[in-house]
């Protein structure tokens, strides 16, 4: 039984390129390890466009969500503001028509208060 070569890391990191490839020609264990790394590298390169597309899709979805929240908030608050004005106008109209001062025939302003001018 032969021992597995443990020189792959040392050769791949510290040896010259020529020494590294010479060692690969001689050593089956290191050659298999090198082939594994080549396959892994190819897989990573093949998956890079998919990953980039996923990241871009997530960014786009985030932007769309932000815009929807902004428009929804704007719509809710604008609608609330309009509703408040309508209620106030109705309140003023009701008070002007039912004002005790106006029922006595005295001049009143837009809010139902005595108009002394």
PDB file of N, CA and C in Angstrom:
ATOM      1  N   UNK A   1       0.841  -1.175   0.000  1.00  0.00           N
ATOM      2  CA  UNK A   1       0.000   0.000   0.000  1.00  0.00           C
ATOM      3  C   UNK A   1       0.889   1.241   0.000  1.00  0.00           C
ATOM      4  N   UNK A   2       0.597   2.145  -0.918  1.00  0.00           N
ATOM      5  CA  UNK A   2       1.405   3.359  -1.024  1.00  0.00           C
ATOM      6  C   UNK A   2       0.687   4.511  -0.345  1.00  0.00           C
ATOM      7  N   UNK A   3       1.472   5.431   0.151  1.00  0.00           N
ATOM      8  CA  UNK A   3       0.903   6.606   0.804  1.00  0.00           C
ATOM      9  C   UNK A   3       0.513   7.647  -0.242  1.00  0.00           C
ATOM     10  N   UNK A   4      -0.500   8.404   0.100  1.00  0.00           N
ATOM     11  CA  UNK A   4      -0.952   9.467  -0.792  1.00  0.00           C
ATOM     12  C   UNK A   4       0.049  10.623  -0.716  1.00  0.00           C
ATOM     13  N   UNK A   5       0.320  11.229  -1.863  1.00  0.00           N
ATOM     14  CA  UNK A   5       1.274  12.337  -1.922  1.00  0.00           C
ATOM     15  C   UNK A   5       0.703  13.555  -1.200  1.00  0.00           C
ATOM     16  N   UNK A   6       1.521  14.183  -0.392  1.00  0.00           N
ATOM     17  CA  UNK A   6       1.079  15.361   0.357  1.00  0.00           C
ATOM     18  C   UNK A   6       1.789  16.632  -0.109  1.00  0.00           C
ATOM     19  N   UNK A   7       2.369  16.589  -1.294  1.00  0.00           N
ATOM     20  CA  UNK A   7       3.140  17.730  -1.785  1.00  0.00           C
ATOM     21  C   UNK A   7       2.321  18.672  -2.675  1.00  0.00           C
ATOM     22  N   UNK A   8       1.069  18.340  -2.947  1.00  0.00           N
ATOM     23  CA  UNK A   8       0.293  19.127  -3.912  1.00  0.00           C
ATOM     24  C   UNK A   8       0.189  20.595  -3.502  1.00  0.00           C
ATOM     25  N   UNK A   9      -0.206  20.858  -2.263  1.00  0.00           N
ATOM     26  CA  UNK A   9      -0.351  22.244  -1.809  1.00  0.00           C
ATOM     27  C   UNK A   9       0.962  22.997  -1.882  1.00  0.00           C
ATOM     28  N   UNK A  10       2.007  22.369  -1.427  1.00  0.00           N
ATOM     29  CA  UNK A  10       3.311  23.032  -1.431  1.00  0.00           C
ATOM     30  C   UNK A  10       3.759  23.343  -2.860  1.00  0.00           C
ATOM     31  N   UNK A  11       3.613  22.381  -3.756  1.00  0.00           N
ATOM     32  CA  UNK A  11       4.022  22.609  -5.147  1.00  0.00           C
ATOM     33  C   UNK A  11       3.135  23.666  -5.820  1.00  0.00           C
ATOM     34  N   UNK A  12       1.823  23.614  -5.568  1.00  0.00           N
ATOM     35  CA  UNK A  12       0.927  24.550  -6.252  1.00  0.00           C
ATOM     36  C   UNK A  12       1.108  25.976  -5.745  1.00  0.00           C
ATOM     37  N   UNK A  13       1.538  26.132  -4.498  1.00  0.00           N
ATOM     38  CA  UNK A  13       1.681  27.475  -3.950  1.00  0.00           C
ATOM     39  C   UNK A  13       3.095  28.029  -4.083  1.00  0.00           C
ATOM     40  N   UNK A  14       4.083  27.207  -3.826  1.00  0.00           N
ATOM     41  CA  UNK A  14       5.431  27.744  -3.670  1.00  0.00           C
ATOM     42  C   UNK A  14       6.410  27.356  -4.772  1.00  0.00           C
ATOM     43  N   UNK A  15       6.136  26.306  -5.501  1.00  0.00           N
ATOM     44  CA  UNK A  15       7.088  25.864  -6.532  1.00  0.00           C
ATOM     45  C   UNK A  15       6.883  26.679  -7.808  1.00  0.00           C
ATOM     46  N   UNK A  16       7.890  26.654  -8.643  1.00  0.00           N
ATOM     47  CA  UNK A  16       7.733  27.328  -9.941  1.00  0.00           C
ATOM     48  C   UNK A  16       6.731  26.540 -10.776  1.00  0.00           C
ATOM     49  N   UNK A  17       6.201  27.185 -11.798  1.00  0.00           N
ATOM     50  CA  UNK A  17       5.199  26.528 -12.633  1.00  0.00           C
ATOM     51  C   UNK A  17       5.777  25.279 -13.308  1.00  0.00           C
ATOM     52  N   UNK A  18       7.005  25.383 -13.742  1.00  0.00           N
ATOM     53  CA  UNK A  18       7.656  24.243 -14.407  1.00  0.00           C
ATOM     54  C   UNK A  18       7.788  23.064 -13.439  1.00  0.00           C
ATOM     55  N   UNK A  19       8.267  23.339 -12.207  1.00  0.00           N
ATOM     56  CA  UNK A  19       8.414  22.273 -11.212  1.00  0.00           C
ATOM     57  C   UNK A  19       7.060  21.653 -10.865  1.00  0.00           C
ATOM     58  N   UNK A  20       6.045  22.501 -10.756  1.00  0.00           N
ATOM     59  CA  UNK A  20       4.706  22.018 -10.429  1.00  0.00           C
ATOM     60  C   UNK A  20       4.197  21.058 -11.511  1.00  0.00           C
ATOM     61  N   UNK A  21       4.311  21.450 -12.789  1.00  0.00           N
ATOM     62  CA  UNK A  21       3.814  20.595 -13.868  1.00  0.00           C
ATOM     63  C   UNK A  21       4.690  19.354 -14.066  1.00  0.00           C
ATOM     64  N   UNK A  22       5.972  19.466 -13.782  1.00  0.00           N
ATOM     65  CA  UNK A  22       6.835  18.279 -13.817  1.00  0.00           C
ATOM     66  C   UNK A  22       6.390  17.271 -12.758  1.00  0.00           C
ATOM     67  N   UNK A  23       6.072  17.783 -11.568  1.00  0.00           N
ATOM     68  CA  UNK A  23       5.610  16.905 -10.496  1.00  0.00           C
ATOM     69  C   UNK A  23       4.275  16.255 -10.885  1.00  0.00           C
ATOM     70  N   UNK A  24       3.392  17.002 -11.535  1.00  0.00           N
ATOM     71  CA  UNK A  24       2.103  16.433 -11.955  1.00  0.00           C
ATOM     72  C   UNK A  24       2.295  15.276 -12.946  1.00  0.00           C
ATOM     73  N   UNK A  25       3.323  15.359 -13.793  1.00  0.00           N
ATOM     74  CA  UNK A  25       3.594  14.283 -14.749  1.00  0.00           C
ATOM     75  C   UNK A  25       4.006  12.998 -14.031  1.00  0.00           C
ATOM     76  N   UNK A  26       4.661  13.166 -12.883  1.00  0.00           N
ATOM     77  CA  UNK A  26       5.187  12.003 -12.150  1.00  0.00           C
ATOM     78  C   UNK A  26       4.191  11.432 -11.132  1.00  0.00           C
ATOM     79  N   UNK A  27       3.356  12.311 -10.542  1.00  0.00           N
ATOM     80  CA  UNK A  27       2.527  11.904  -9.395  1.00  0.00           C
ATOM     81  C   UNK A  27       1.043  11.819  -9.783  1.00  0.00           C
ATOM     82  N   UNK A  28       0.460  10.624  -9.658  1.00  0.00           N
ATOM     83  CA  UNK A  28      -0.956  10.410  -9.996  1.00  0.00           C
ATOM     84  C   UNK A  28      -1.889  11.097  -9.000  1.00  0.00           C
ATOM     85  N   UNK A  29      -1.552  11.083  -7.708  1.00  0.00           N
ATOM     86  CA  UNK A  29      -2.396  11.708  -6.683  1.00  0.00           C
ATOM     87  C   UNK A  29      -2.538  13.208  -6.932  1.00  0.00           C
ATOM     88  N   UNK A  30      -1.437  13.871  -7.199  1.00  0.00           N
ATOM     89  CA  UNK A  30      -1.458  15.311  -7.434  1.00  0.00           C
ATOM     90  C   UNK A  30      -2.163  15.637  -8.748  1.00  0.00           C
ATOM     91  N   UNK A  31      -1.999  14.767  -9.722  1.00  0.00           N
ATOM     92  CA  UNK A  31      -2.666  14.967 -11.006  1.00  0.00           C
ATOM     93  C   UNK A  31      -4.183  14.901 -10.824  1.00  0.00           C
ATOM     94  N   UNK A  32      -4.673  13.945 -10.031  1.00  0.00           N
ATOM     95  CA  UNK A  32      -6.101  13.838  -9.757  1.00  0.00           C
ATOM     96  C   UNK A  32      -6.605  15.080  -9.012  1.00  0.00           C
ATOM     97  N   UNK A  33      -5.832  15.549  -8.058  1.00  0.00           N
ATOM     98  CA  UNK A  33      -6.199  16.741  -7.292  1.00  0.00           C
ATOM     99  C   UNK A  33      -6.275  17.970  -8.203  1.00  0.00           C
ATOM    100  N   UNK A  34      -5.312  18.076  -9.120  1.00  0.00           N
ATOM    101  CA  UNK A  34      -5.290  19.182 -10.069  1.00  0.00           C
ATOM    102  C   UNK A  34      -6.513  19.129 -10.991  1.00  0.00           C
ATOM    103  N   UNK A  35      -6.884  17.951 -11.438  1.00  0.00           N
ATOM    104  CA  UNK A  35      -8.065  17.794 -12.296  1.00  0.00           C
ATOM    105  C   UNK A  35      -9.352  18.161 -11.552  1.00  0.00           C
ATOM    106  N   UNK A  36      -9.407  17.818 -10.261  1.00  0.00           N
ATOM    107  CA  UNK A  36     -10.558  18.213  -9.447  1.00  0.00           C
ATOM    108  C   UNK A  36     -10.672  19.737  -9.391  1.00  0.00           C
ATOM    109  N   UNK A  37      -9.529  20.387  -9.182  1.00  0.00           N
ATOM    110  CA  UNK A  37      -9.537  21.851  -9.121  1.00  0.00           C
ATOM    111  C   UNK A  37      -9.954  22.466 -10.452  1.00  0.00           C
ATOM    112  N   UNK A  38      -9.503  21.867 -11.558  1.00  0.00           N
ATOM    113  CA  UNK A  38      -9.901  22.367 -12.876  1.00  0.00           C
ATOM    114  C   UNK A  38     -11.413  22.234 -13.091  1.00  0.00           C
ATOM    115  N   UNK A  39     -11.978  21.101 -12.688  1.00  0.00           N
ATOM    116  CA  UNK A  39     -13.431  20.911 -12.818  1.00  0.00           C
ATOM    117  C   UNK A  39     -14.198  21.896 -11.942  1.00  0.00           C
ATOM    118  N   UNK A  40     -13.704  22.094 -10.723  1.00  0.00           N
ATOM    119  CA  UNK A  40     -14.350  23.048  -9.818  1.00  0.00           C
ATOM    120  C   UNK A  40     -14.290  24.461 -10.396  1.00  0.00           C
ATOM    121  N   UNK A  41     -13.147  24.829 -10.922  1.00  0.00           N
ATOM    122  CA  UNK A  41     -12.996  26.142 -11.531  1.00  0.00           C
ATOM    123  C   UNK A  41     -13.958  26.319 -12.709  1.00  0.00           C
ATOM    124  N   UNK A  42     -14.093  25.277 -13.534  1.00  0.00           N
ATOM    125  CA  UNK A  42     -15.019  25.338 -14.669  1.00  0.00           C
ATOM    126  C   UNK A  42     -16.459  25.492 -14.189  1.00  0.00           C
ATOM    127  N   UNK A  43     -16.822  24.774 -13.123  1.00  0.00           N
ATOM    128  CA  UNK A  43     -18.173  24.895 -12.579  1.00  0.00           C
ATOM    129  C   UNK A  43     -18.449  26.301 -12.072  1.00  0.00           C
ATOM    130  N   UNK A  44     -17.470  26.873 -11.392  1.00  0.00           N
ATOM    131  CA  UNK A  44     -17.633  28.232 -10.865  1.00  0.00           C
ATOM    132  C   UNK A  44     -17.786  29.230 -12.012  1.00  0.00           C
ATOM    133  N   UNK A  45     -16.958  29.072 -13.037  1.00  0.00           N
ATOM    134  CA  UNK A  45     -17.057  29.982 -14.177  1.00  0.00           C
ATOM    135  C   UNK A  45     -18.379  29.819 -14.911  1.00  0.00           C
ATOM    136  N   UNK A  46     -18.877  28.599 -15.003  1.00  0.00           N
ATOM    137  CA  UNK A  46     -20.170  28.370 -15.658  1.00  0.00           C
ATOM    138  C   UNK A  46     -21.333  28.944 -14.854  1.00  0.00           C
ATOM    139  N   UNK A  47     -21.210  28.944 -13.542  1.00  0.00           N
ATOM    140  CA  UNK A  47     -22.309  29.421 -12.712  1.00  0.00           C
ATOM    141  C   UNK A  47     -22.261  30.926 -12.470  1.00  0.00           C
ATOM    142  N   UNK A  48     -21.184  31.584 -12.828  1.00  0.00           N
ATOM    143  CA  UNK A  48     -21.065  33.025 -12.584  1.00  0.00           C
ATOM    144  C   UNK A  48     -22.176  33.830 -13.253  1.00  0.00           C
ATOM    145  N   UNK A  49     -22.509  33.609 -14.536  1.00  0.00           N
ATOM    146  CA  UNK A  49     -23.597  34.392 -15.139  1.00  0.00           C
ATOM    147  C   UNK A  49     -24.944  34.176 -14.445  1.00  0.00           C
ATOM    148  N   UNK A  50     -25.194  32.946 -14.011  1.00  0.00           N
ATOM    149  CA  UNK A  50     -26.448  32.665 -13.299  1.00  0.00           C
ATOM    150  C   UNK A  50     -26.488  33.419 -11.987  1.00  0.00           C
ATOM    151  N   UNK A  51     -25.384  33.409 -11.265  1.00  0.00           N
ATOM    152  CA  UNK A  51     -25.313  34.120  -9.990  1.00  0.00           C
ATOM    153  C   UNK A  51     -25.499  35.619 -10.198  1.00  0.00           C
ATOM    154  N   UNK A  52     -24.825  36.173 -11.207  1.00  0.00           N
ATOM    155  CA  UNK A  52     -24.963  37.604 -11.484  1.00  0.00           C
ATOM    156  C   UNK A  52     -26.397  37.951 -11.855  1.00  0.00           C
ATOM    157  N   UNK A  53     -27.050  37.092 -12.621  1.00  0.00           N
ATOM    158  CA  UNK A  53     -28.443  37.331 -12.995  1.00  0.00           C
ATOM    159  C   UNK A  53     -29.338  37.302 -11.756  1.00  0.00           C
ATOM    160  N   UNK A  54     -29.071  36.372 -10.835  1.00  0.00           N
ATOM    161  CA  UNK A  54     -29.858  36.297  -9.607  1.00  0.00           C
ATOM    162  C   UNK A  54     -29.671  37.554  -8.768  1.00  0.00           C
ATOM    163  N   UNK A  55     -28.445  38.034  -8.665  1.00  0.00           N
ATOM    164  CA  UNK A  55     -28.171  39.237  -7.887  1.00  0.00           C
ATOM    165  C   UNK A  55     -28.880  40.431  -8.512  1.00  0.00           C
ATOM    166  N   UNK A  56     -28.805  40.545  -9.850  1.00  0.00           N
ATOM    167  CA  UNK A  56     -29.477  41.650 -10.525  1.00  0.00           C
ATOM    168  C   UNK A  56     -30.988  41.565 -10.356  1.00  0.00           C
ATOM    169  N   UNK A  57     -31.542  40.354 -10.392  1.00  0.00           N
ATOM    170  CA  UNK A  57     -32.976  40.177 -10.202  1.00  0.00           C
ATOM    171  C   UNK A  57     -33.378  40.591  -8.791  1.00  0.00           C
ATOM    172  N   UNK A  58     -32.572  40.218  -7.802  1.00  0.00           N
ATOM    173  CA  UNK A  58     -32.880  40.603  -6.419  1.00  0.00           C
ATOM    174  C   UNK A  58     -32.836  42.116  -6.263  1.00  0.00           C
ATOM    175  N   UNK A  59     -31.846  42.766  -6.885  1.00  0.00           N
ATOM    176  CA  UNK A  59     -31.761  44.227  -6.804  1.00  0.00           C
ATOM    177  C   UNK A  59     -32.981  44.868  -7.453  1.00  0.00           C
ATOM    178  N   UNK A  60     -33.389  44.337  -8.599  1.00  0.00           N
ATOM    179  CA  UNK A  60     -34.557  44.871  -9.293  1.00  0.00           C
ATOM    180  C   UNK A  60     -35.810  44.686  -8.455  1.00  0.00           C
ATOM    181  N   UNK A  61     -35.974  43.520  -7.859  1.00  0.00           N
ATOM    182  CA  UNK A  61     -37.152  43.266  -7.024  1.00  0.00           C
ATOM    183  C   UNK A  61     -37.178  44.204  -5.811  1.00  0.00           C
ATOM    184  N   UNK A  62     -36.018  44.469  -5.247  1.00  0.00           N
ATOM    185  CA  UNK A  62     -35.928  45.386  -4.110  1.00  0.00           C
ATOM    186  C   UNK A  62     -36.339  46.797  -4.535  1.00  0.00           C
ATOM    187  N   UNK A  63     -35.864  47.233  -5.695  1.00  0.00           N
ATOM    188  CA  UNK A  63     -36.234  48.565  -6.192  1.00  0.00           C
ATOM    189  C   UNK A  63     -37.733  48.650  -6.452  1.00  0.00           C
ATOM    190  N   UNK A  64     -38.297  47.608  -7.059  1.00  0.00           N
ATOM    191  CA  UNK A  64     -39.737  47.595  -7.332  1.00  0.00           C
ATOM    192  C   UNK A  64     -40.526  47.656  -6.020  1.00  0.00           C
ATOM    193  N   UNK A  65     -40.082  46.896  -5.023  1.00  0.00           N
ATOM    194  CA  UNK A  65     -40.772  46.903  -3.724  1.00  0.00           C
ATOM    195  C   UNK A  65     -40.713  48.288  -3.086  1.00  0.00           C
ATOM    196  N   UNK A  66     -39.557  48.942  -3.178  1.00  0.00           N
ATOM    197  CA  UNK A  66     -39.419  50.290  -2.604  1.00  0.00           C
ATOM    198  C   UNK A  66     -40.345  51.280  -3.300  1.00  0.00           C
ATOM    199  N   UNK A  67     -40.423  51.192  -4.613  1.00  0.00           N
ATOM    200  CA  UNK A  67     -41.293  52.095  -5.365  1.00  0.00           C
ATOM    201  C   UNK A  67     -42.754  51.845  -5.009  1.00  0.00           C
ATOM    202  N   UNK A  68     -43.138  50.571  -4.904  1.00  0.00           N
ATOM    203  CA  UNK A  68     -44.521  50.266  -4.541  1.00  0.00           C
ATOM    204  C   UNK A  68     -44.870  50.780  -3.145  1.00  0.00           C
ATOM    205  N   UNK A  69     -43.952  50.609  -2.204  1.00  0.00           N
ATOM    206  CA  UNK A  69     -44.185  51.120  -0.854  1.00  0.00           C
ATOM    207  C   UNK A  69     -44.308  52.639  -0.879  1.00  0.00           C
ATOM    208  N   UNK A  70     -43.449  53.285  -1.644  1.00  0.00           N
ATOM    209  CA  UNK A  70     -43.486  54.747  -1.741  1.00  0.00           C
ATOM    210  C   UNK A  70     -44.807  55.221  -2.328  1.00  0.00           C
ATOM    211  N   UNK A  71     -45.233  54.632  -3.446  1.00  0.00           N
ATOM    212  CA  UNK A  71     -46.483  55.044  -4.070  1.00  0.00           C
ATOM    213  C   UNK A  71     -47.690  54.732  -3.188  1.00  0.00           C
ATOM    214  N   UNK A  72     -47.655  53.576  -2.528  1.00  0.00           N
ATOM    215  CA  UNK A  72     -48.757  53.229  -1.643  1.00  0.00           C
ATOM    216  C   UNK A  72     -48.840  54.212  -0.484  1.00  0.00           C
ATOM    217  N   UNK A  73     -47.697  54.526   0.102  1.00  0.00           N
ATOM    218  CA  UNK A  73     -47.670  55.484   1.206  1.00  0.00           C
ATOM    219  C   UNK A  73     -48.157  56.849   0.747  1.00  0.00           C
ATOM    220  N   UNK A  74     -47.702  57.268  -0.398  1.00  0.00           N
ATOM    221  CA  UNK A  74     -48.110  58.564  -0.930  1.00  0.00           C
ATOM    222  C   UNK A  74     -49.618  58.592  -1.159  1.00  0.00           C
ATOM    223  N   UNK A  75     -50.137  57.509  -1.730  1.00  0.00           N
ATOM    224  CA  UNK A  75     -51.575  57.429  -1.982  1.00  0.00           C
ATOM    225  C   UNK A  75     -52.388  57.433  -0.709  1.00  0.00           C
ATOM    226  N   UNK A  76     -51.929  56.705   0.289  1.00  0.00           N
ATOM    227  CA  UNK A  76     -52.658  56.636   1.557  1.00  0.00           C
ATOM    228  C   UNK A  76     -52.667  58.000   2.238  1.00  0.00           C
ATOM    229  N   UNK A  77     -51.510  58.640   2.318  1.00  0.00           N
ATOM    230  CA  UNK A  77     -51.437  59.921   3.012  1.00  0.00           C
ATOM    231  C   UNK A  77     -52.128  61.032   2.235  1.00  0.00           C
ATOM    232  N   UNK A  78     -52.048  60.987   0.929  1.00  0.00           N
ATOM    233  CA  UNK A  78     -52.738  61.989   0.130  1.00  0.00           C
ATOM    234  C   UNK A  78     -54.243  61.804   0.268  1.00  0.00           C
ATOM    235  N   UNK A  79     -54.700  60.559   0.217  1.00  0.00           N
ATOM    236  CA  UNK A  79     -56.124  60.282   0.409  1.00  0.00           C
ATOM    237  C   UNK A  79     -56.591  60.697   1.784  1.00  0.00           C
ATOM    238  N   UNK A  80     -55.775  60.475   2.782  1.00  0.00           N
ATOM    239  CA  UNK A  80     -56.106  60.865   4.147  1.00  0.00           C
ATOM    240  C   UNK A  80     -56.223  62.375   4.240  1.00  0.00           C
ATOM    241  N   UNK A  81     -55.304  63.080   3.609  1.00  0.00           N
ATOM    242  CA  UNK A  81     -55.316  64.538   3.644  1.00  0.00           C
ATOM    243  C   UNK A  81     -56.576  65.080   2.965  1.00  0.00           C
ATOM    244  N   UNK A  82     -56.941  64.524   1.823  1.00  0.00           N
ATOM    245  CA  UNK A  82     -58.147  64.953   1.121  1.00  0.00           C
ATOM    246  C   UNK A  82     -59.369  64.676   1.977  1.00  0.00           C
ATOM    247  N   UNK A  83     -59.392  63.519   2.610  1.00  0.00           N
ATOM    248  CA  UNK A  83     -60.513  63.157   3.463  1.00  0.00           C
ATOM    249  C   UNK A  83     -60.639  64.151   4.617  1.00  0.00           C
ATOM    250  N   UNK A  84     -59.517  64.528   5.212  1.00  0.00           N
ATOM    251  CA  UNK A  84     -59.541  65.482   6.318  1.00  0.00           C
ATOM    252  C   UNK A  84     -60.104  66.827   5.860  1.00  0.00           C
ATOM    253  N   UNK A  85     -59.709  67.288   4.678  1.00  0.00           N
ATOM    254  CA  UNK A  85     -60.214  68.556   4.156  1.00  0.00           C
ATOM    255  C   UNK A  85     -61.715  68.467   3.900  1.00  0.00           C
ATOM    256  N   UNK A  86     -62.162  67.345   3.346  1.00  0.00           N
ATOM    257  CA  UNK A  86     -63.591  67.172   3.098  1.00  0.00           C
ATOM    258  C   UNK A  86     -64.372  67.214   4.400  1.00  0.00           C
ATOM    259  N   UNK A  87     -63.856  66.535   5.423  1.00  0.00           N
ATOM    260  CA  UNK A  87     -64.542  66.536   6.717  1.00  0.00           C
ATOM    261  C   UNK A  87     -64.589  67.945   7.310  1.00  0.00           C
ATOM    262  N   UNK A  88     -63.482  68.668   7.208  1.00  0.00           N
ATOM    263  CA  UNK A  88     -63.437  70.014   7.760  1.00  0.00           C
ATOM    264  C   UNK A  88     -64.407  70.921   7.007  1.00  0.00           C
ATOM    265  N   UNK A  89     -64.428  70.812   5.663  1.00  0.00           N
ATOM    266  CA  UNK A  89     -65.348  71.635   4.874  1.00  0.00           C
ATOM    267  C   UNK A  89     -66.794  71.320   5.227  1.00  0.00           C
ATOM    268  N   UNK A  90     -67.102  70.033   5.408  1.00  0.00           N
ATOM    269  CA  UNK A  90     -68.457  69.648   5.802  1.00  0.00           C
ATOM    270  C   UNK A  90     -68.793  70.185   7.189  1.00  0.00           C
ATOM    271  N   UNK A  91     -67.828  70.163   8.090  1.00  0.00           N
ATOM    272  CA  UNK A  91     -68.018  70.686   9.442  1.00  0.00           C
ATOM    273  C   UNK A  91     -68.307  72.184   9.402  1.00  0.00           C
ATOM    274  N   UNK A  92     -67.515  72.902   8.589  1.00  0.00           N
ATOM    275  CA  UNK A  92     -67.698  74.349   8.484  1.00  0.00           C
ATOM    276  C   UNK A  92     -69.067  74.661   7.886  1.00  0.00           C
ATOM    277  N   UNK A  93     -69.437  73.934   6.839  1.00  0.00           N
ATOM    278  CA  UNK A  93     -70.729  74.169   6.185  1.00  0.00           C
ATOM    279  C   UNK A  93     -71.873  73.904   7.163  1.00  0.00           C
ATOM    280  N   UNK A  94     -71.764  72.820   7.918  1.00  0.00           N
ATOM    281  CA  UNK A  94     -72.824  72.479   8.873  1.00  0.00           C
ATOM    282  C   UNK A  94     -72.905  73.528   9.970  1.00  0.00           C
ATOM    283  N   UNK A  95     -71.775  74.015  10.450  1.00  0.00           N
ATOM    284  CA  UNK A  95     -71.782  75.017  11.509  1.00  0.00           C
ATOM    285  C   UNK A  95     -72.283  76.355  11.005  1.00  0.00           C
ATOM    286  N   UNK A  96     -71.967  76.688   9.758  1.00  0.00           N
ATOM    287  CA  UNK A  96     -72.412  77.959   9.202  1.00  0.00           C
ATOM    288  C   UNK A  96     -73.936  77.950   9.052  1.00  0.00           C
ATOM    289  N   UNK A  97     -74.475  76.828   8.612  1.00  0.00           N
ATOM    290  CA  UNK A  97     -75.920  76.742   8.396  1.00  0.00           C
ATOM    291  C   UNK A  97     -76.693  76.656   9.703  1.00  0.00           C
ATOM    292  N   UNK A  98     -76.111  76.023  10.718  1.00  0.00           N
ATOM    293  CA  UNK A  98     -76.830  75.842  11.984  1.00  0.00           C
ATOM    294  C   UNK A  98     -76.355  76.801  13.069  1.00  0.00           C
ATOM    295  N   UNK A  99     -75.563  77.772  12.708  1.00  0.00           N
ATOM    296  CA  UNK A  99     -75.042  78.709  13.690  1.00  0.00           C
ATOM    297  C   UNK A  99     -76.189  79.493  14.326  1.00  0.00           C
ATOM    298  N   UNK A 100     -76.148  79.625  15.622  1.00  0.00           N
ATOM    299  CA  UNK A 100     -77.168  80.375  16.347  1.00  0.00           C
ATOM    300  C   UNK A 100     -77.163  81.825  15.903  1.00  0.00           C
ATOM    301  N   UNK A 101     -75.985  82.335  15.600  1.00  0.00           N
ATOM    302  CA  UNK A 101     -75.848  83.727  15.181  1.00  0.00           C
ATOM    303  C   UNK A 101     -76.543  83.940  13.847  1.00  0.00           C
ATOM    304  N   UNK A 102     -76.337  82.989  12.900  1.00  0.00           N
ATOM    305  CA  UNK A 102     -76.969  83.142  11.591  1.00  0.00           C
ATOM    306  C   UNK A 102     -78.475  82.954  11.687  1.00  0.00           C
ATOM    307  N   UNK A 103     -78.944  82.143  12.616  1.00  0.00           N
ATOM    308  CA  UNK A 103     -80.382  81.945  12.783  1.00  0.00           C
ATOM    309  C   UNK A 103     -81.054  83.208  13.330  1.00  0.00           C
ATOM    310  N   UNK A 104     -80.283  84.026  14.047  1.00  0.00           N
ATOM    311  CA  UNK A 104     -80.818  85.294  14.558  1.00  0.00           C
ATOM    312  C   UNK A 104     -80.765  86.382  13.500  1.00  0.00           C
ATOM    313  N   UNK A 105     -80.217  86.052  12.319  1.00  0.00           N
ATOM    314  CA  UNK A 105     -80.190  87.017  11.231  1.00  0.00           C
ATOM    315  C   UNK A 105     -78.967  87.919  11.238  1.00  0.00           C
ATOM    316  N   UNK A 106     -77.986  87.613  12.065  1.00  0.00           N
ATOM    317  CA  UNK A 106     -76.777  88.434  12.108  1.00  0.00           C
ATOM    318  C   UNK A 106     -75.790  87.919  11.060  1.00  0.00           C
ATOM    319  N   UNK A 107     -74.894  88.792  10.578  1.00  0.00           N
ATOM    320  CA  UNK A 107     -73.921  88.359   9.575  1.00  0.00           C
ATOM    321  C   UNK A 107     -72.881  87.416  10.197  1.00  0.00           C
ATOM    322  N   UNK A 108     -72.539  86.356   9.451  1.00  0.00           N
ATOM    323  CA  UNK A 108     -71.529  85.397   9.904  1.00  0.00           C
ATOM    324  C   UNK A 108     -70.467  85.224   8.824  1.00  0.00           C
ATOM    325  N   UNK A 109     -69.276  84.841   9.242  1.00  0.00           N
ATOM    326  CA  UNK A 109     -68.209  84.583   8.265  1.00  0.00           C
ATOM    327  C   UNK A 109     -68.309  83.135   7.789  1.00  0.00           C
ATOM    328  N   UNK A 110     -67.284  82.671   7.059  1.00  0.00           N
ATOM    329  CA  UNK A 110     -67.298  81.315   6.489  1.00  0.00           C
ATOM    330  C   UNK A 110     -67.337  80.228   7.543  1.00  0.00           C
ATOM    331  N   UNK A 111     -66.937  80.539   8.757  1.00  0.00           N
ATOM    332  CA  UNK A 111     -66.868  79.533   9.808  1.00  0.00           C
ATOM    333  C   UNK A 111     -68.066  79.572  10.763  1.00  0.00           C
ATOM    334  N   UNK A 112     -69.007  80.422  10.502  1.00  0.00           N
ATOM    335  CA  UNK A 112     -70.191  80.507  11.347  1.00  0.00           C
ATOM    336  C   UNK A 112     -70.026  81.459  12.527  1.00  0.00           C
ATOM    337  N   UNK A 113     -68.927  82.207  12.555  1.00  0.00           N
ATOM    338  CA  UNK A 113     -68.701  83.177  13.624  1.00  0.00           C
ATOM    339  C   UNK A 113     -69.275  84.537  13.216  1.00  0.00           C
ATOM    340  N   UNK A 114     -69.549  85.340  14.207  1.00  0.00           N
ATOM    341  CA  UNK A 114     -70.108  86.683  13.960  1.00  0.00           C
ATOM    342  C   UNK A 114     -69.128  87.497  13.117  1.00  0.00           C
ATOM    343  N   UNK A 115     -69.623  88.082  12.030  1.00  0.00           N
ATOM    344  CA  UNK A 115     -68.791  88.896  11.146  1.00  0.00           C
ATOM    345  C   UNK A 115     -69.090  90.364  11.467  1.00  0.00           C
ATOM    346  N   UNK A 116     -68.195  91.008  12.199  1.00  0.00           N
ATOM    347  CA  UNK A 116     -68.434  92.369  12.640  1.00  0.00           C
ATOM    348  C   UNK A 116     -68.026  93.402  11.601  1.00  0.00           C
ATOM    349  N   UNK A 117     -67.484  93.016  10.465  1.00  0.00           N
ATOM    350  CA  UNK A 117     -67.086  93.997   9.424  1.00  0.00           C
ATOM    351  C   UNK A 117     -68.244  94.457   8.619  1.00  0.00           C
TER     352      UNK A 117
END
